[in-house]
């Protein structure tokens, strides 16, 4: 009887895992757990953690470019870990601000793509010229 209960318990766990994987929720749970563990570890190390100088503006832009790309690709859990780890604002920087800061201009071709795509396209065009 005990073996039967364990087997059905294992089957139940496997069924729940399969269901969560099929819905994509297992990835979300894992990402949230990693984020919470990182926050806990950072909290316990705050007193021993050296203070870093404020990051240069370029680092913020790079992190925001990565966040925009991750969000566009649908990697929202990876994006949430990035936001936590880089201590980014919950609200992303405005796209117009980013493009002006980088000296790029949106076109019909690029306006619906992440700014990172525009930068890659620009470098490819420069290489071909």
C-alpha atoms as a PDB file:
ATOM      1  CA  UNK A   1       0.000   0.000   0.000  1.00  0.00           C
ATOM      2  CA  UNK A   2       2.846   2.413   0.851  1.00  0.00           C
ATOM      3  CA  UNK A   3       4.569   1.697  -2.484  1.00  0.00           C
ATOM      4  CA  UNK A   4       1.308   2.425  -4.282  1.00  0.00           C
ATOM      5  CA  UNK A   5       1.000   5.783  -2.496  1.00  0.00           C
ATOM      6  CA  UNK A   6       4.595   6.693  -3.356  1.00  0.00           C
ATOM      7  CA  UNK A   7       4.078   5.755  -6.985  1.00  0.00           C
ATOM      8  CA  UNK A   8       0.893   7.784  -7.203  1.00  0.00           C
ATOM      9  CA  UNK A   9       2.649  10.662  -5.391  1.00  0.00           C
ATOM     10  CA  UNK A  10       5.495  10.508  -7.911  1.00  0.00           C
ATOM     11  CA  UNK A  11       2.995  10.315 -10.755  1.00  0.00           C
ATOM     12  CA  UNK A  12       1.190  13.342  -9.328  1.00  0.00           C
ATOM     13  CA  UNK A  13       4.459  15.286  -9.108  1.00  0.00           C
ATOM     14  CA  UNK A  14       5.332  14.288 -12.672  1.00  0.00           C
ATOM     15  CA  UNK A  15       1.875  15.331 -13.890  1.00  0.00           C
ATOM     16  CA  UNK A  16       2.120  18.699 -12.135  1.00  0.00           C
ATOM     17  CA  UNK A  17       5.623  19.250 -13.521  1.00  0.00           C
ATOM     18  CA  UNK A  18       4.476  18.347 -17.052  1.00  0.00           C
ATOM     19  CA  UNK A  19       1.496  20.678 -16.781  1.00  0.00           C
ATOM     20  CA  UNK A  20       3.653  23.561 -15.522  1.00  0.00           C
ATOM     21  CA  UNK A  21       6.193  22.971 -18.281  1.00  0.00           C
ATOM     22  CA  UNK A  22       3.486  22.855 -20.957  1.00  0.00           C
ATOM     23  CA  UNK A  23       2.078  26.199 -19.773  1.00  0.00           C
ATOM     24  CA  UNK A  24       5.547  27.747 -19.486  1.00  0.00           C
ATOM     25  CA  UNK A  25       4.905  28.405 -15.818  1.00  0.00           C
ATOM     26  CA  UNK A  26       7.756  26.227 -14.569  1.00  0.00           C
ATOM     27  CA  UNK A  27      10.275  28.626 -16.139  1.00  0.00           C
ATOM     28  CA  UNK A  28       8.537  31.529 -14.434  1.00  0.00           C
ATOM     29  CA  UNK A  29       8.617  29.812 -11.047  1.00  0.00           C
ATOM     30  CA  UNK A  30      12.320  29.008 -11.445  1.00  0.00           C
ATOM     31  CA  UNK A  31      13.134  32.591 -12.465  1.00  0.00           C
ATOM     32  CA  UNK A  32      11.155  34.013  -9.571  1.00  0.00           C
ATOM     33  CA  UNK A  33      12.911  31.665  -7.182  1.00  0.00           C
ATOM     34  CA  UNK A  34      16.337  32.703  -8.514  1.00  0.00           C
ATOM     35  CA  UNK A  35      15.373  36.360  -8.150  1.00  0.00           C
ATOM     36  CA  UNK A  36      14.213  35.871  -4.564  1.00  0.00           C
ATOM     37  CA  UNK A  37      17.336  33.902  -3.665  1.00  0.00           C
ATOM     38  CA  UNK A  38      19.500  36.673  -5.176  1.00  0.00           C
ATOM     39  CA  UNK A  39      17.628  39.292  -3.138  1.00  0.00           C
ATOM     40  CA  UNK A  40      18.056  37.248   0.028  1.00  0.00           C
ATOM     41  CA  UNK A  41      21.764  36.769  -0.612  1.00  0.00           C
ATOM     42  CA  UNK A  42      22.232  40.451  -1.407  1.00  0.00           C
ATOM     43  CA  UNK A  43      20.370  41.394   1.762  1.00  0.00           C
ATOM     44  CA  UNK A  44      22.582  39.198   3.923  1.00  0.00           C
ATOM     45  CA  UNK A  45      25.734  40.535   2.249  1.00  0.00           C
ATOM     46  CA  UNK A  46      24.811  44.237   2.280  1.00  0.00           C
ATOM     47  CA  UNK A  47      26.985  45.075   5.250  1.00  0.00           C
ATOM     48  CA  UNK A  48      30.010  43.248   3.814  1.00  0.00           C
ATOM     49  CA  UNK A  49      29.340  44.260   0.207  1.00  0.00           C
ATOM     50  CA  UNK A  50      31.572  47.120  -0.942  1.00  0.00           C
ATOM     51  CA  UNK A  51      29.786  50.191  -2.261  1.00  0.00           C
ATOM     52  CA  UNK A  52      30.254  50.574  -6.002  1.00  0.00           C
ATOM     53  CA  UNK A  53      30.341  53.970  -7.613  1.00  0.00           C
ATOM     54  CA  UNK A  54      27.304  54.911  -9.670  1.00  0.00           C
ATOM     55  CA  UNK A  55      27.444  53.215 -13.064  1.00  0.00           C
ATOM     56  CA  UNK A  56      28.204  55.409 -16.061  1.00  0.00           C
ATOM     57  CA  UNK A  57      25.280  56.440 -18.260  1.00  0.00           C
ATOM     58  CA  UNK A  58      26.494  54.014 -20.964  1.00  0.00           C
ATOM     59  CA  UNK A  59      26.043  51.040 -18.628  1.00  0.00           C
ATOM     60  CA  UNK A  60      22.444  52.072 -17.987  1.00  0.00           C
ATOM     61  CA  UNK A  61      21.827  52.364 -21.743  1.00  0.00           C
ATOM     62  CA  UNK A  62      23.354  48.947 -22.413  1.00  0.00           C
ATOM     63  CA  UNK A  63      21.260  47.351 -19.671  1.00  0.00           C
ATOM     64  CA  UNK A  64      18.124  49.031 -21.020  1.00  0.00           C
ATOM     65  CA  UNK A  65      18.925  47.831 -24.562  1.00  0.00           C
ATOM     66  CA  UNK A  66      19.244  44.303 -23.235  1.00  0.00           C
ATOM     67  CA  UNK A  67      16.012  44.622 -21.249  1.00  0.00           C
ATOM     68  CA  UNK A  68      14.113  45.910 -24.286  1.00  0.00           C
ATOM     69  CA  UNK A  69      15.440  43.014 -26.383  1.00  0.00           C
ATOM     70  CA  UNK A  70      14.567  40.411 -23.725  1.00  0.00           C
ATOM     71  CA  UNK A  71      11.063  41.825 -23.329  1.00  0.00           C
ATOM     72  CA  UNK A  72      10.535  41.944 -27.098  1.00  0.00           C
ATOM     73  CA  UNK A  73      11.642  38.322 -27.425  1.00  0.00           C
ATOM     74  CA  UNK A  74       9.262  37.320 -24.627  1.00  0.00           C
ATOM     75  CA  UNK A  75      12.018  36.427 -22.166  1.00  0.00           C
ATOM     76  CA  UNK A  76      10.137  38.148 -19.344  1.00  0.00           C
ATOM     77  CA  UNK A  77      11.583  35.985 -16.590  1.00  0.00           C
ATOM     78  CA  UNK A  78      15.145  36.584 -17.737  1.00  0.00           C
ATOM     79  CA  UNK A  79      14.285  40.265 -17.973  1.00  0.00           C
ATOM     80  CA  UNK A  80      12.977  40.303 -14.395  1.00  0.00           C
ATOM     81  CA  UNK A  81      16.234  38.773 -13.160  1.00  0.00           C
ATOM     82  CA  UNK A  82      18.204  41.398 -15.137  1.00  0.00           C
ATOM     83  CA  UNK A  83      16.122  44.207 -13.625  1.00  0.00           C
ATOM     84  CA  UNK A  84      16.744  42.883 -10.121  1.00  0.00           C
ATOM     85  CA  UNK A  85      20.424  42.157 -10.565  1.00  0.00           C
ATOM     86  CA  UNK A  86      21.211  45.474 -12.284  1.00  0.00           C
ATOM     87  CA  UNK A  87      18.904  47.393  -9.945  1.00  0.00           C
ATOM     88  CA  UNK A  88      17.067  48.916 -12.898  1.00  0.00           C
ATOM     89  CA  UNK A  89      13.905  50.914 -12.438  1.00  0.00           C
ATOM     90  CA  UNK A  90      10.732  48.860 -12.751  1.00  0.00           C
ATOM     91  CA  UNK A  91       9.712  51.242 -15.557  1.00  0.00           C
ATOM     92  CA  UNK A  92      11.974  50.928 -18.642  1.00  0.00           C
ATOM     93  CA  UNK A  93      13.585  54.014 -20.126  1.00  0.00           C
ATOM     94  CA  UNK A  94      11.591  55.710 -22.858  1.00  0.00           C
ATOM     95  CA  UNK A  95      12.534  54.474 -26.343  1.00  0.00           C
ATOM     96  CA  UNK A  96      12.799  58.040 -27.677  1.00  0.00           C
ATOM     97  CA  UNK A  97      15.252  58.885 -24.887  1.00  0.00           C
ATOM     98  CA  UNK A  98      17.345  55.801 -25.726  1.00  0.00           C
ATOM     99  CA  UNK A  99      17.455  56.503 -29.474  1.00  0.00           C
ATOM    100  CA  UNK A 100      18.346  60.168 -28.897  1.00  0.00           C
ATOM    101  CA  UNK A 101      21.082  59.167 -26.441  1.00  0.00           C
ATOM    102  CA  UNK A 102      22.540  56.801 -29.041  1.00  0.00           C
ATOM    103  CA  UNK A 103      22.082  59.186 -31.961  1.00  0.00           C
ATOM    104  CA  UNK A 104      19.854  56.776 -33.873  1.00  0.00           C
ATOM    105  CA  UNK A 105      16.591  57.421 -35.663  1.00  0.00           C
ATOM    106  CA  UNK A 106      13.669  55.034 -35.904  1.00  0.00           C
ATOM    107  CA  UNK A 107      12.429  54.232 -39.388  1.00  0.00           C
ATOM    108  CA  UNK A 108       9.375  52.332 -40.590  1.00  0.00           C
ATOM    109  CA  UNK A 109      11.607  49.258 -40.741  1.00  0.00           C
ATOM    110  CA  UNK A 110      12.987  49.603 -37.193  1.00  0.00           C
ATOM    111  CA  UNK A 111      10.216  51.229 -35.141  1.00  0.00           C
ATOM    112  CA  UNK A 112       8.693  47.886 -34.101  1.00  0.00           C
ATOM    113  CA  UNK A 113      12.048  46.216 -33.409  1.00  0.00           C
ATOM    114  CA  UNK A 114      14.286  46.569 -30.358  1.00  0.00           C
ATOM    115  CA  UNK A 115      16.817  49.397 -30.648  1.00  0.00           C
ATOM    116  CA  UNK A 116      19.536  46.750 -30.430  1.00  0.00           C
ATOM    117  CA  UNK A 117      18.390  45.452 -33.841  1.00  0.00           C
ATOM    118  CA  UNK A 118      18.784  48.951 -35.280  1.00  0.00           C
ATOM    119  CA  UNK A 119      22.316  49.151 -33.959  1.00  0.00           C
ATOM    120  CA  UNK A 120      23.220  45.782 -35.455  1.00  0.00           C
ATOM    121  CA  UNK A 121      21.706  46.814 -38.804  1.00  0.00           C
ATOM    122  CA  UNK A 122      23.651  50.075 -38.725  1.00  0.00           C
ATOM    123  CA  UNK A 123      26.947  48.257 -38.146  1.00  0.00           C
ATOM    124  CA  UNK A 124      26.174  45.778 -40.915  1.00  0.00           C
ATOM    125  CA  UNK A 125      25.467  48.644 -43.331  1.00  0.00           C
ATOM    126  CA  UNK A 126      28.674  50.427 -42.316  1.00  0.00           C
ATOM    127  CA  UNK A 127      30.652  47.243 -42.893  1.00  0.00           C
ATOM    128  CA  UNK A 128      29.149  46.819 -46.373  1.00  0.00           C
ATOM    129  CA  UNK A 129      29.836  50.439 -47.364  1.00  0.00           C
END
